[in-house]
Amino acid sequence: MPARDLYHDAIKSALIKDNWTILADPYRIQYKDVDLYADLAAERPIAIEREGQKIVVEIKSFVGRSLMTDFHLALGQYKVYQMLLEETAPEYDLYLAIDDITYNNFFKREGIEFLVQSSQIKFFVINIDEQEIVQWLN
């Protein structure tokens, strides 16, 4: 079982506050001889006439020595999980969860925005102190 990310509990609390139900903590992704763990799986019923949305969340704190190295690792991990989920659990959407400080100081950079859009990364931003989701970005 992998170690929990620094912000794991805060992001889990933020999802629960936002009316998500945690289905798995962590979420196991198995495909043939590959066995990985994403941080969380959650679902939120939208409305009676619509199907409930299900997501898998990979949490990243970006507290390493280099934000760019952390970004490279997060992008690679996201893409691997995305490909495996498409094969094993296509009903789930994959999201990267990051804190608002990292979002404002790093993800809003023009070059990083380009890379995120080109890679089609879905993510959401939380305020760690308030344990609240402040923005969803698809």
N, C-alpha and C. Protein backbone atom coordinates (compact mmCIF):
# COMPACT_ATOMS: atom_id res chain seq x y z
N MET A 1 0.86 -1.18 0.00
CA MET A 1 0.00 0.00 0.00
C MET A 1 0.90 1.24 0.00
N PRO A 2 0.62 2.21 -0.89
CA PRO A 2 1.47 3.41 -0.97
C PRO A 2 1.27 4.34 0.23
N ALA A 3 2.27 5.19 0.46
CA ALA A 3 2.17 6.19 1.52
C ALA A 3 1.15 7.26 1.12
N ARG A 4 0.48 7.82 2.09
CA ARG A 4 -0.50 8.88 1.82
C ARG A 4 0.20 10.20 1.56
N ASP A 5 -0.40 10.96 0.68
CA ASP A 5 0.11 12.29 0.37
C ASP A 5 -0.13 13.22 1.55
N LEU A 6 0.69 14.25 1.64
CA LEU A 6 0.62 15.23 2.72
C LEU A 6 -0.79 15.80 2.90
N TYR A 7 -1.50 16.03 1.79
CA TYR A 7 -2.82 16.67 1.84
C TYR A 7 -3.98 15.68 1.76
N HIS A 8 -3.71 14.42 1.90
CA HIS A 8 -4.73 13.38 1.73
C HIS A 8 -5.99 13.65 2.57
N ASP A 9 -5.82 13.83 3.86
CA ASP A 9 -6.97 14.00 4.75
C ASP A 9 -7.74 15.28 4.46
N ALA A 10 -7.04 16.35 4.14
CA ALA A 10 -7.70 17.63 3.83
C ALA A 10 -8.53 17.51 2.55
N ILE A 11 -7.99 16.83 1.56
CA ILE A 11 -8.72 16.68 0.29
C ILE A 11 -9.91 15.73 0.47
N LYS A 12 -9.72 14.69 1.22
CA LYS A 12 -10.83 13.78 1.51
C LYS A 12 -11.95 14.54 2.24
N SER A 13 -11.59 15.35 3.22
CA SER A 13 -12.60 16.16 3.94
C SER A 13 -13.30 17.13 3.02
N ALA A 14 -12.54 17.75 2.11
CA ALA A 14 -13.13 18.70 1.16
C ALA A 14 -14.14 18.00 0.25
N LEU A 15 -13.82 16.80 -0.20
CA LEU A 15 -14.76 16.04 -1.04
C LEU A 15 -16.03 15.70 -0.27
N ILE A 16 -15.88 15.28 0.96
CA ILE A 16 -17.05 14.94 1.78
C ILE A 16 -17.91 16.18 2.01
N LYS A 17 -17.27 17.33 2.28
CA LYS A 17 -18.02 18.60 2.44
C LYS A 17 -18.79 18.95 1.18
N ASP A 18 -18.24 18.55 0.02
CA ASP A 18 -18.84 18.86 -1.28
C ASP A 18 -19.85 17.77 -1.69
N ASN A 19 -20.28 16.97 -0.71
CA ASN A 19 -21.31 15.94 -0.90
C ASN A 19 -20.88 14.75 -1.74
N TRP A 20 -19.60 14.42 -1.72
CA TRP A 20 -19.11 13.21 -2.37
C TRP A 20 -19.10 12.09 -1.33
N THR A 21 -19.35 10.89 -1.79
CA THR A 21 -19.24 9.70 -0.96
C THR A 21 -17.94 8.99 -1.33
N ILE A 22 -17.10 8.74 -0.35
CA ILE A 22 -15.83 8.06 -0.59
C ILE A 22 -16.11 6.57 -0.73
N LEU A 23 -15.73 5.99 -1.86
CA LEU A 23 -15.97 4.58 -2.15
C LEU A 23 -14.75 3.72 -1.84
N ALA A 24 -13.57 4.29 -2.00
CA ALA A 24 -12.34 3.53 -1.76
C ALA A 24 -11.23 4.49 -1.36
N ASP A 25 -10.44 4.06 -0.38
CA ASP A 25 -9.34 4.88 0.13
C ASP A 25 -8.21 3.95 0.57
N PRO A 26 -7.31 3.60 -0.31
CA PRO A 26 -7.09 4.04 -1.69
C PRO A 26 -7.92 3.22 -2.70
N TYR A 27 -7.88 3.64 -3.95
CA TYR A 27 -8.57 2.95 -5.04
C TYR A 27 -7.55 2.11 -5.79
N ARG A 28 -7.78 0.82 -5.85
CA ARG A 28 -6.85 -0.10 -6.49
C ARG A 28 -7.16 -0.21 -7.98
N ILE A 29 -6.12 -0.03 -8.79
CA ILE A 29 -6.24 -0.17 -10.24
C ILE A 29 -5.45 -1.43 -10.62
N GLN A 30 -6.15 -2.43 -11.12
CA GLN A 30 -5.51 -3.67 -11.54
C GLN A 30 -5.78 -3.91 -13.02
N TYR A 31 -4.72 -4.21 -13.75
CA TYR A 31 -4.86 -4.57 -15.16
C TYR A 31 -3.78 -5.58 -15.49
N LYS A 32 -4.19 -6.77 -15.79
CA LYS A 32 -3.28 -7.87 -16.09
C LYS A 32 -2.22 -7.98 -15.00
N ASP A 33 -0.95 -7.68 -15.32
CA ASP A 33 0.11 -7.81 -14.31
C ASP A 33 0.50 -6.46 -13.70
N VAL A 34 -0.35 -5.44 -13.85
CA VAL A 34 -0.11 -4.11 -13.29
C VAL A 34 -1.07 -3.92 -12.11
N ASP A 35 -0.51 -3.50 -10.99
CA ASP A 35 -1.30 -3.30 -9.78
C ASP A 35 -0.88 -1.97 -9.14
N LEU A 36 -1.75 -0.96 -9.21
CA LEU A 36 -1.44 0.38 -8.73
C LEU A 36 -2.53 0.87 -7.80
N TYR A 37 -2.23 1.94 -7.08
CA TYR A 37 -3.21 2.54 -6.15
C TYR A 37 -3.31 4.04 -6.39
N ALA A 38 -4.51 4.50 -6.74
CA ALA A 38 -4.80 5.93 -6.75
C ALA A 38 -5.28 6.28 -5.35
N ASP A 39 -5.26 7.56 -5.01
CA ASP A 39 -5.54 7.96 -3.64
C ASP A 39 -6.98 7.71 -3.19
N LEU A 40 -7.96 8.09 -4.00
CA LEU A 40 -9.36 7.99 -3.58
C LEU A 40 -10.26 7.65 -4.76
N ALA A 41 -11.41 7.06 -4.46
CA ALA A 41 -12.50 6.94 -5.41
C ALA A 41 -13.72 7.51 -4.72
N ALA A 42 -14.53 8.26 -5.47
CA ALA A 42 -15.70 8.90 -4.86
C ALA A 42 -16.83 8.97 -5.88
N GLU A 43 -18.03 9.11 -5.37
CA GLU A 43 -19.18 9.32 -6.25
C GLU A 43 -20.09 10.38 -5.63
N ARG A 44 -20.79 11.05 -6.51
CA ARG A 44 -21.76 12.05 -6.04
C ARG A 44 -23.01 11.92 -6.89
N PRO A 45 -24.13 11.59 -6.27
CA PRO A 45 -25.37 11.59 -7.03
C PRO A 45 -25.70 13.03 -7.43
N ILE A 46 -25.92 13.25 -8.70
CA ILE A 46 -26.20 14.60 -9.20
C ILE A 46 -27.68 14.94 -9.00
N ALA A 47 -28.54 14.12 -9.56
CA ALA A 47 -29.98 14.32 -9.43
C ALA A 47 -30.65 13.01 -9.83
N ILE A 48 -31.90 12.87 -9.50
CA ILE A 48 -32.59 11.62 -9.78
C ILE A 48 -32.61 11.33 -11.28
N GLU A 49 -32.78 12.35 -12.09
CA GLU A 49 -32.89 12.12 -13.53
C GLU A 49 -31.54 11.98 -14.23
N ARG A 50 -30.47 12.14 -13.50
CA ARG A 50 -29.14 12.02 -14.09
C ARG A 50 -28.37 10.92 -13.37
N GLU A 51 -27.44 10.32 -14.08
CA GLU A 51 -26.61 9.30 -13.45
C GLU A 51 -25.63 9.96 -12.49
N GLY A 52 -25.26 9.24 -11.47
CA GLY A 52 -24.27 9.74 -10.53
C GLY A 52 -22.89 9.78 -11.19
N GLN A 53 -22.11 10.75 -10.82
CA GLN A 53 -20.75 10.89 -11.33
C GLN A 53 -19.79 10.16 -10.41
N LYS A 54 -18.84 9.43 -10.99
CA LYS A 54 -17.84 8.72 -10.21
C LYS A 54 -16.46 9.22 -10.62
N ILE A 55 -15.61 9.45 -9.63
CA ILE A 55 -14.27 9.93 -9.92
C ILE A 55 -13.23 9.14 -9.13
N VAL A 56 -12.04 9.09 -9.70
CA VAL A 56 -10.85 8.62 -8.99
C VAL A 56 -9.97 9.85 -8.85
N VAL A 57 -9.41 10.03 -7.66
CA VAL A 57 -8.63 11.22 -7.35
C VAL A 57 -7.19 10.83 -7.04
N GLU A 58 -6.27 11.48 -7.73
CA GLU A 58 -4.85 11.36 -7.39
C GLU A 58 -4.43 12.69 -6.77
N ILE A 59 -3.96 12.64 -5.54
CA ILE A 59 -3.62 13.84 -4.76
C ILE A 59 -2.13 14.13 -4.91
N LYS A 60 -1.80 15.38 -5.20
CA LYS A 60 -0.40 15.79 -5.30
C LYS A 60 -0.19 17.07 -4.50
N SER A 61 0.87 17.06 -3.68
CA SER A 61 1.15 18.21 -2.82
C SER A 61 2.18 19.17 -3.39
N PHE A 62 3.00 18.74 -4.34
CA PHE A 62 4.01 19.61 -4.96
C PHE A 62 4.90 20.28 -3.92
N VAL A 63 5.47 19.48 -3.03
CA VAL A 63 6.35 20.02 -1.99
C VAL A 63 7.79 19.51 -2.15
N GLY A 64 8.10 18.94 -3.32
CA GLY A 64 9.45 18.45 -3.56
C GLY A 64 10.42 19.60 -3.80
N ARG A 65 11.64 19.24 -4.13
CA ARG A 65 12.67 20.26 -4.36
C ARG A 65 12.43 21.07 -5.62
N SER A 66 11.70 20.51 -6.57
CA SER A 66 11.44 21.18 -7.84
C SER A 66 9.98 21.01 -8.24
N LEU A 67 9.27 22.11 -8.42
CA LEU A 67 7.88 22.03 -8.86
C LEU A 67 7.78 21.37 -10.23
N MET A 68 8.75 21.65 -11.11
CA MET A 68 8.71 21.06 -12.44
C MET A 68 8.90 19.54 -12.38
N THR A 69 9.79 19.08 -11.52
CA THR A 69 9.97 17.63 -11.36
C THR A 69 8.70 17.01 -10.80
N ASP A 70 8.11 17.64 -9.80
CA ASP A 70 6.85 17.15 -9.24
C ASP A 70 5.77 17.11 -10.33
N PHE A 71 5.74 18.12 -11.18
CA PHE A 71 4.77 18.17 -12.28
C PHE A 71 5.00 17.03 -13.26
N HIS A 72 6.27 16.80 -13.64
CA HIS A 72 6.58 15.69 -14.55
C HIS A 72 6.07 14.37 -13.99
N LEU A 73 6.34 14.13 -12.73
CA LEU A 73 5.92 12.89 -12.08
C LEU A 73 4.39 12.79 -12.02
N ALA A 74 3.74 13.89 -11.67
CA ALA A 74 2.27 13.89 -11.58
C ALA A 74 1.64 13.65 -12.95
N LEU A 75 2.18 14.29 -13.98
CA LEU A 75 1.65 14.14 -15.34
C LEU A 75 1.79 12.70 -15.81
N GLY A 76 2.97 12.11 -15.59
CA GLY A 76 3.18 10.73 -15.99
C GLY A 76 2.27 9.77 -15.25
N GLN A 77 2.14 9.96 -13.95
CA GLN A 77 1.28 9.10 -13.15
C GLN A 77 -0.17 9.25 -13.58
N TYR A 78 -0.60 10.48 -13.83
CA TYR A 78 -1.97 10.75 -14.27
C TYR A 78 -2.26 10.01 -15.57
N LYS A 79 -1.35 10.10 -16.53
CA LYS A 79 -1.57 9.47 -17.83
C LYS A 79 -1.63 7.95 -17.71
N VAL A 80 -0.77 7.36 -16.88
CA VAL A 80 -0.80 5.91 -16.67
C VAL A 80 -2.14 5.51 -16.05
N TYR A 81 -2.56 6.20 -15.01
CA TYR A 81 -3.84 5.89 -14.36
C TYR A 81 -5.00 6.06 -15.34
N GLN A 82 -4.94 7.13 -16.13
CA GLN A 82 -6.00 7.41 -17.08
C GLN A 82 -6.16 6.26 -18.09
N MET A 83 -5.05 5.80 -18.63
CA MET A 83 -5.10 4.70 -19.60
C MET A 83 -5.65 3.42 -18.97
N LEU A 84 -5.19 3.11 -17.75
CA LEU A 84 -5.65 1.90 -17.09
C LEU A 84 -7.12 1.99 -16.68
N LEU A 85 -7.57 3.16 -16.24
CA LEU A 85 -8.98 3.32 -15.89
C LEU A 85 -9.89 3.18 -17.11
N GLU A 86 -9.44 3.67 -18.26
CA GLU A 86 -10.23 3.52 -19.48
C GLU A 86 -10.47 2.06 -19.80
N GLU A 87 -9.52 1.20 -19.46
CA GLU A 87 -9.64 -0.23 -19.70
C GLU A 87 -10.41 -0.97 -18.60
N THR A 88 -10.22 -0.55 -17.36
CA THR A 88 -10.75 -1.33 -16.23
C THR A 88 -12.01 -0.76 -15.60
N ALA A 89 -12.18 0.54 -15.65
CA ALA A 89 -13.33 1.18 -14.99
C ALA A 89 -13.70 2.46 -15.72
N PRO A 90 -14.21 2.33 -16.95
CA PRO A 90 -14.49 3.53 -17.76
C PRO A 90 -15.59 4.43 -17.18
N GLU A 91 -16.31 3.95 -16.18
CA GLU A 91 -17.35 4.78 -15.55
C GLU A 91 -16.76 5.86 -14.65
N TYR A 92 -15.46 5.77 -14.37
CA TYR A 92 -14.78 6.75 -13.52
C TYR A 92 -14.05 7.79 -14.35
N ASP A 93 -14.11 9.04 -13.90
CA ASP A 93 -13.28 10.11 -14.44
C ASP A 93 -12.11 10.30 -13.49
N LEU A 94 -10.94 10.53 -14.02
CA LEU A 94 -9.75 10.73 -13.20
C LEU A 94 -9.51 12.22 -12.99
N TYR A 95 -9.25 12.60 -11.74
CA TYR A 95 -8.95 13.98 -11.38
C TYR A 95 -7.67 14.04 -10.57
N LEU A 96 -6.91 15.07 -10.81
CA LEU A 96 -5.75 15.41 -10.00
C LEU A 96 -6.21 16.45 -8.99
N ALA A 97 -5.86 16.28 -7.73
CA ALA A 97 -6.24 17.24 -6.69
C ALA A 97 -4.99 17.99 -6.24
N ILE A 98 -5.06 19.33 -6.27
CA ILE A 98 -3.93 20.16 -5.86
C ILE A 98 -4.42 21.27 -4.94
N ASP A 99 -3.48 21.83 -4.19
CA ASP A 99 -3.85 22.94 -3.29
C ASP A 99 -3.88 24.26 -4.06
N ASP A 100 -4.58 25.23 -3.49
CA ASP A 100 -4.76 26.52 -4.16
C ASP A 100 -3.45 27.31 -4.31
N ILE A 101 -2.53 27.15 -3.40
CA ILE A 101 -1.25 27.88 -3.50
C ILE A 101 -0.45 27.36 -4.69
N THR A 102 -0.39 26.05 -4.85
CA THR A 102 0.29 25.47 -6.01
C THR A 102 -0.40 25.89 -7.29
N TYR A 103 -1.72 25.88 -7.28
CA TYR A 103 -2.47 26.29 -8.47
C TYR A 103 -2.13 27.72 -8.85
N ASN A 104 -2.20 28.63 -7.90
CA ASN A 104 -1.96 30.05 -8.18
C ASN A 104 -0.51 30.35 -8.54
N ASN A 105 0.44 29.67 -7.91
CA ASN A 105 1.85 29.98 -8.13
C ASN A 105 2.50 29.18 -9.24
N PHE A 106 1.90 28.07 -9.63
CA PHE A 106 2.54 27.22 -10.64
C PHE A 106 1.62 26.89 -11.80
N PHE A 107 0.42 26.41 -11.53
CA PHE A 107 -0.46 25.94 -12.59
C PHE A 107 -1.03 27.07 -13.45
N LYS A 108 -0.97 28.30 -12.99
CA LYS A 108 -1.46 29.43 -13.78
C LYS A 108 -0.38 29.99 -14.71
N ARG A 109 0.82 29.44 -14.63
CA ARG A 109 1.87 29.86 -15.56
C ARG A 109 1.45 29.46 -16.97
N GLU A 110 1.72 30.33 -17.94
CA GLU A 110 1.25 30.13 -19.31
C GLU A 110 1.71 28.78 -19.88
N GLY A 111 2.96 28.44 -19.68
CA GLY A 111 3.48 27.18 -20.20
C GLY A 111 2.85 25.97 -19.53
N ILE A 112 2.61 26.05 -18.24
CA ILE A 112 1.98 24.95 -17.51
C ILE A 112 0.52 24.80 -17.92
N GLU A 113 -0.18 25.94 -18.09
CA GLU A 113 -1.57 25.88 -18.58
C GLU A 113 -1.64 25.18 -19.93
N PHE A 114 -0.69 25.48 -20.81
CA PHE A 114 -0.64 24.83 -22.12
C PHE A 114 -0.46 23.32 -21.97
N LEU A 115 0.47 22.91 -21.12
CA LEU A 115 0.73 21.48 -20.92
C LEU A 115 -0.47 20.76 -20.32
N VAL A 116 -1.13 21.39 -19.36
CA VAL A 116 -2.31 20.80 -18.73
C VAL A 116 -3.43 20.64 -19.76
N GLN A 117 -3.67 21.68 -20.56
CA GLN A 117 -4.73 21.61 -21.57
C GLN A 117 -4.39 20.58 -22.65
N SER A 118 -3.16 20.58 -23.10
CA SER A 118 -2.74 19.63 -24.13
C SER A 118 -2.83 18.18 -23.65
N SER A 119 -2.57 17.97 -22.38
CA SER A 119 -2.61 16.63 -21.80
C SER A 119 -4.01 16.23 -21.36
N GLN A 120 -4.95 17.17 -21.44
CA GLN A 120 -6.34 16.94 -21.06
C GLN A 120 -6.46 16.44 -19.62
N ILE A 121 -5.74 17.10 -18.72
CA ILE A 121 -5.79 16.75 -17.31
C ILE A 121 -7.00 17.41 -16.68
N LYS A 122 -7.79 16.63 -15.98
CA LYS A 122 -8.88 17.17 -15.18
C LYS A 122 -8.36 17.30 -13.77
N PHE A 123 -8.65 18.43 -13.14
CA PHE A 123 -8.21 18.59 -11.76
C PHE A 123 -9.12 19.52 -10.99
N PHE A 124 -8.97 19.46 -9.68
CA PHE A 124 -9.66 20.41 -8.84
C PHE A 124 -8.70 20.97 -7.81
N VAL A 125 -9.06 22.15 -7.33
CA VAL A 125 -8.20 22.92 -6.44
C VAL A 125 -8.91 23.03 -5.10
N ILE A 126 -8.14 22.82 -4.02
CA ILE A 126 -8.74 22.98 -2.70
C ILE A 126 -7.95 23.98 -1.87
N ASN A 127 -8.67 24.61 -0.97
CA ASN A 127 -8.05 25.43 0.06
C ASN A 127 -7.78 24.47 1.22
N ILE A 128 -6.50 24.24 1.48
CA ILE A 128 -6.11 23.26 2.50
C ILE A 128 -6.60 23.67 3.89
N ASP A 129 -6.43 24.95 4.23
CA ASP A 129 -6.81 25.41 5.57
C ASP A 129 -8.30 25.25 5.83
N GLU A 130 -9.11 25.59 4.83
CA GLU A 130 -10.57 25.50 4.97
C GLU A 130 -11.11 24.11 4.61
N GLN A 131 -10.27 23.30 3.99
CA GLN A 131 -10.66 21.98 3.52
C GLN A 131 -11.91 22.07 2.64
N GLU A 132 -11.81 22.97 1.64
CA GLU A 132 -12.91 23.20 0.72
C GLU A 132 -12.41 23.23 -0.72
N ILE A 133 -13.22 22.67 -1.60
CA ILE A 133 -12.92 22.74 -3.03
C ILE A 133 -13.25 24.15 -3.50
N VAL A 134 -12.30 24.78 -4.16
CA VAL A 134 -12.52 26.14 -4.62
C VAL A 134 -12.73 26.22 -6.14
N GLN A 135 -12.29 25.18 -6.87
CA GLN A 135 -12.43 25.25 -8.31
C GLN A 135 -12.28 23.86 -8.93
N TRP A 136 -13.14 23.56 -9.92
CA TRP A 136 -13.02 22.36 -10.75
C TRP A 136 -12.57 22.79 -12.12
N LEU A 137 -11.58 22.12 -12.67
CA LEU A 137 -11.06 22.46 -14.00
C LEU A 137 -11.01 21.20 -14.86
N ASN A 138 -11.71 21.28 -15.99
CA ASN A 138 -11.74 20.13 -16.90
C ASN A 138 -10.96 20.48 -18.13
